[in-house]
C-alpha cells in the first residue's frame, strides 16, 4: 500500500488498490492460519492464538470492503480517543 501513501487517492481508487494487493495477502494469511489450526494443539499457546485469530478475523479485514476507511493513520485514531476507555499499563 506504499503507492497509496505517496499520492492522495480517493475512496474508489483506494478500494481498487486494496482489492488488487491487500486482499490477496489477507487471503493467504487466513489460509496459513487455517493450516496451523490443523497442527496446533488446541490448548497450547499457538492453538489459542490461532483460534482467536480465526474468530476475530472480520475486524482486521473491514478495510478491504471500504475504500473510505483510513488505515495506519494517527488522524483516524484521534477521533476514537474520546470513546475509548482509559487503561493503565501495569
C-alpha atoms as a PDB file:
ATOM      1  CA  UNK A   1       0.000   0.000   0.000  1.00  0.00           C
ATOM      2  CA  UNK A   2       3.016   2.283  -0.324  1.00  0.00           C
ATOM      3  CA  UNK A   3       1.504   3.641  -3.539  1.00  0.00           C
ATOM      4  CA  UNK A   4      -1.465   4.954  -1.583  1.00  0.00           C
ATOM      5  CA  UNK A   5       0.810   6.816   0.796  1.00  0.00           C
ATOM      6  CA  UNK A   6       2.778   8.544  -1.970  1.00  0.00           C
ATOM      7  CA  UNK A   7      -0.226  10.297  -3.506  1.00  0.00           C
ATOM      8  CA  UNK A   8      -3.727  11.146  -2.412  1.00  0.00           C
ATOM      9  CA  UNK A   9      -6.251   8.546  -3.536  1.00  0.00           C
ATOM     10  CA  UNK A  10      -9.997   8.840  -3.465  1.00  0.00           C
ATOM     11  CA  UNK A  11     -12.049   6.055  -1.883  1.00  0.00           C
ATOM     12  CA  UNK A  12     -12.712   4.248  -5.188  1.00  0.00           C
ATOM     13  CA  UNK A  13      -9.006   4.199  -6.127  1.00  0.00           C
ATOM     14  CA  UNK A  14      -8.036   3.058  -2.639  1.00  0.00           C
ATOM     15  CA  UNK A  15     -10.667   0.287  -2.810  1.00  0.00           C
ATOM     16  CA  UNK A  16      -9.321  -0.930  -6.161  1.00  0.00           C
ATOM     17  CA  UNK A  17      -5.748  -0.941  -4.850  1.00  0.00           C
ATOM     18  CA  UNK A  18      -6.808  -2.881  -1.753  1.00  0.00           C
ATOM     19  CA  UNK A  19      -8.634  -5.446  -3.893  1.00  0.00           C
ATOM     20  CA  UNK A  20      -5.529  -5.903  -6.036  1.00  0.00           C
ATOM     21  CA  UNK A  21      -2.916  -6.115  -3.298  1.00  0.00           C
ATOM     22  CA  UNK A  22      -4.224  -6.405   0.245  1.00  0.00           C
ATOM     23  CA  UNK A  23      -7.000  -8.922  -0.405  1.00  0.00           C
ATOM     24  CA  UNK A  24      -4.504 -11.463  -1.766  1.00  0.00           C
ATOM     25  CA  UNK A  25      -2.247 -11.050   1.257  1.00  0.00           C
ATOM     26  CA  UNK A  26      -5.104 -11.321   3.733  1.00  0.00           C
ATOM     27  CA  UNK A  27      -6.449 -14.443   1.994  1.00  0.00           C
ATOM     28  CA  UNK A  28      -3.002 -16.038   2.077  1.00  0.00           C
ATOM     29  CA  UNK A  29      -2.652 -15.159   5.756  1.00  0.00           C
ATOM     30  CA  UNK A  30      -6.041 -16.701   6.574  1.00  0.00           C
ATOM     31  CA  UNK A  31      -5.142 -19.888   4.677  1.00  0.00           C
ATOM     32  CA  UNK A  32      -1.866 -20.102   6.604  1.00  0.00           C
ATOM     33  CA  UNK A  33      -3.660 -19.642   9.929  1.00  0.00           C
ATOM     34  CA  UNK A  34      -6.213 -22.301   8.959  1.00  0.00           C
ATOM     35  CA  UNK A  35      -3.376 -24.724   8.118  1.00  0.00           C
ATOM     36  CA  UNK A  36      -1.840 -24.027  11.523  1.00  0.00           C
ATOM     37  CA  UNK A  37      -5.160 -24.848  13.167  1.00  0.00           C
ATOM     38  CA  UNK A  38      -4.872 -28.445  11.971  1.00  0.00           C
ATOM     39  CA  UNK A  39      -1.420 -28.868  13.526  1.00  0.00           C
ATOM     40  CA  UNK A  40      -1.705 -26.814  16.719  1.00  0.00           C
ATOM     41  CA  UNK A  41      -2.770 -28.430  19.952  1.00  0.00           C
ATOM     42  CA  UNK A  42      -5.988 -26.608  20.916  1.00  0.00           C
ATOM     43  CA  UNK A  43      -4.929 -25.703  24.472  1.00  0.00           C
ATOM     44  CA  UNK A  44      -1.394 -24.673  23.526  1.00  0.00           C
ATOM     45  CA  UNK A  45      -0.460 -21.004  23.161  1.00  0.00           C
ATOM     46  CA  UNK A  46      -0.355 -21.429  19.384  1.00  0.00           C
ATOM     47  CA  UNK A  47      -3.724 -23.188  19.357  1.00  0.00           C
ATOM     48  CA  UNK A  48      -5.292 -20.403  21.389  1.00  0.00           C
ATOM     49  CA  UNK A  49      -3.750 -17.733  19.151  1.00  0.00           C
ATOM     50  CA  UNK A  50      -4.988 -19.493  16.011  1.00  0.00           C
ATOM     51  CA  UNK A  51      -8.494 -19.878  17.406  1.00  0.00           C
ATOM     52  CA  UNK A  52      -8.541 -16.212  18.449  1.00  0.00           C
ATOM     53  CA  UNK A  53      -7.306 -15.043  15.039  1.00  0.00           C
ATOM     54  CA  UNK A  54      -9.960 -17.058  13.202  1.00  0.00           C
ATOM     55  CA  UNK A  55     -12.781 -15.936  15.499  1.00  0.00           C
ATOM     56  CA  UNK A  56     -11.684 -12.287  15.268  1.00  0.00           C
ATOM     57  CA  UNK A  57     -10.994 -12.322  11.525  1.00  0.00           C
ATOM     58  CA  UNK A  58     -13.626  -9.794  10.444  1.00  0.00           C
ATOM     59  CA  UNK A  59     -12.473  -6.647  12.327  1.00  0.00           C
ATOM     60  CA  UNK A  60      -8.940  -6.591  10.857  1.00  0.00           C
ATOM     61  CA  UNK A  61     -10.309  -7.137   7.350  1.00  0.00           C
ATOM     62  CA  UNK A  62     -13.018  -4.454   7.331  1.00  0.00           C
ATOM     63  CA  UNK A  63     -10.678  -2.115   5.435  1.00  0.00           C
ATOM     64  CA  UNK A  64     -10.909  -4.467   2.437  1.00  0.00           C
ATOM     65  CA  UNK A  65     -14.594  -3.741   1.966  1.00  0.00           C
ATOM     66  CA  UNK A  66     -14.498   0.046   2.291  1.00  0.00           C
ATOM     67  CA  UNK A  67     -12.027   2.248   0.467  1.00  0.00           C
ATOM     68  CA  UNK A  68     -13.093   5.240   2.556  1.00  0.00           C
ATOM     69  CA  UNK A  69     -11.586   3.734   5.713  1.00  0.00           C
ATOM     70  CA  UNK A  70      -8.129   5.016   6.538  1.00  0.00           C
ATOM     71  CA  UNK A  71      -5.656   2.513   7.916  1.00  0.00           C
ATOM     72  CA  UNK A  72      -2.476   3.108   9.833  1.00  0.00           C
ATOM     73  CA  UNK A  73      -3.061   6.807  10.301  1.00  0.00           C
ATOM     74  CA  UNK A  74      -2.893   8.703  13.568  1.00  0.00           C
ATOM     75  CA  UNK A  75      -5.647  11.037  12.386  1.00  0.00           C
ATOM     76  CA  UNK A  76      -8.036   8.109  12.112  1.00  0.00           C
ATOM     77  CA  UNK A  77      -7.492   7.033  15.720  1.00  0.00           C
ATOM     78  CA  UNK A  78      -7.646  10.519  17.225  1.00  0.00           C
ATOM     79  CA  UNK A  79     -11.417  10.527  16.818  1.00  0.00           C
ATOM     80  CA  UNK A  80     -11.667   7.329  18.835  1.00  0.00           C
ATOM     81  CA  UNK A  81      -9.742   8.639  21.835  1.00  0.00           C
ATOM     82  CA  UNK A  82     -12.819  10.177  23.398  1.00  0.00           C
ATOM     83  CA  UNK A  83     -14.749   6.932  23.031  1.00  0.00           C
ATOM     84  CA  UNK A  84     -12.047   4.544  24.226  1.00  0.00           C
ATOM     85  CA  UNK A  85     -11.800   3.780  27.931  1.00  0.00           C
ATOM     86  CA  UNK A  86      -8.536   4.699  29.600  1.00  0.00           C
ATOM     87  CA  UNK A  87      -6.438   1.740  30.689  1.00  0.00           C
ATOM     88  CA  UNK A  88      -3.351   1.850  32.843  1.00  0.00           C
ATOM     89  CA  UNK A  89      -0.395  -0.287  31.824  1.00  0.00           C
ATOM     90  CA  UNK A  90       0.986  -2.417  34.596  1.00  0.00           C
END
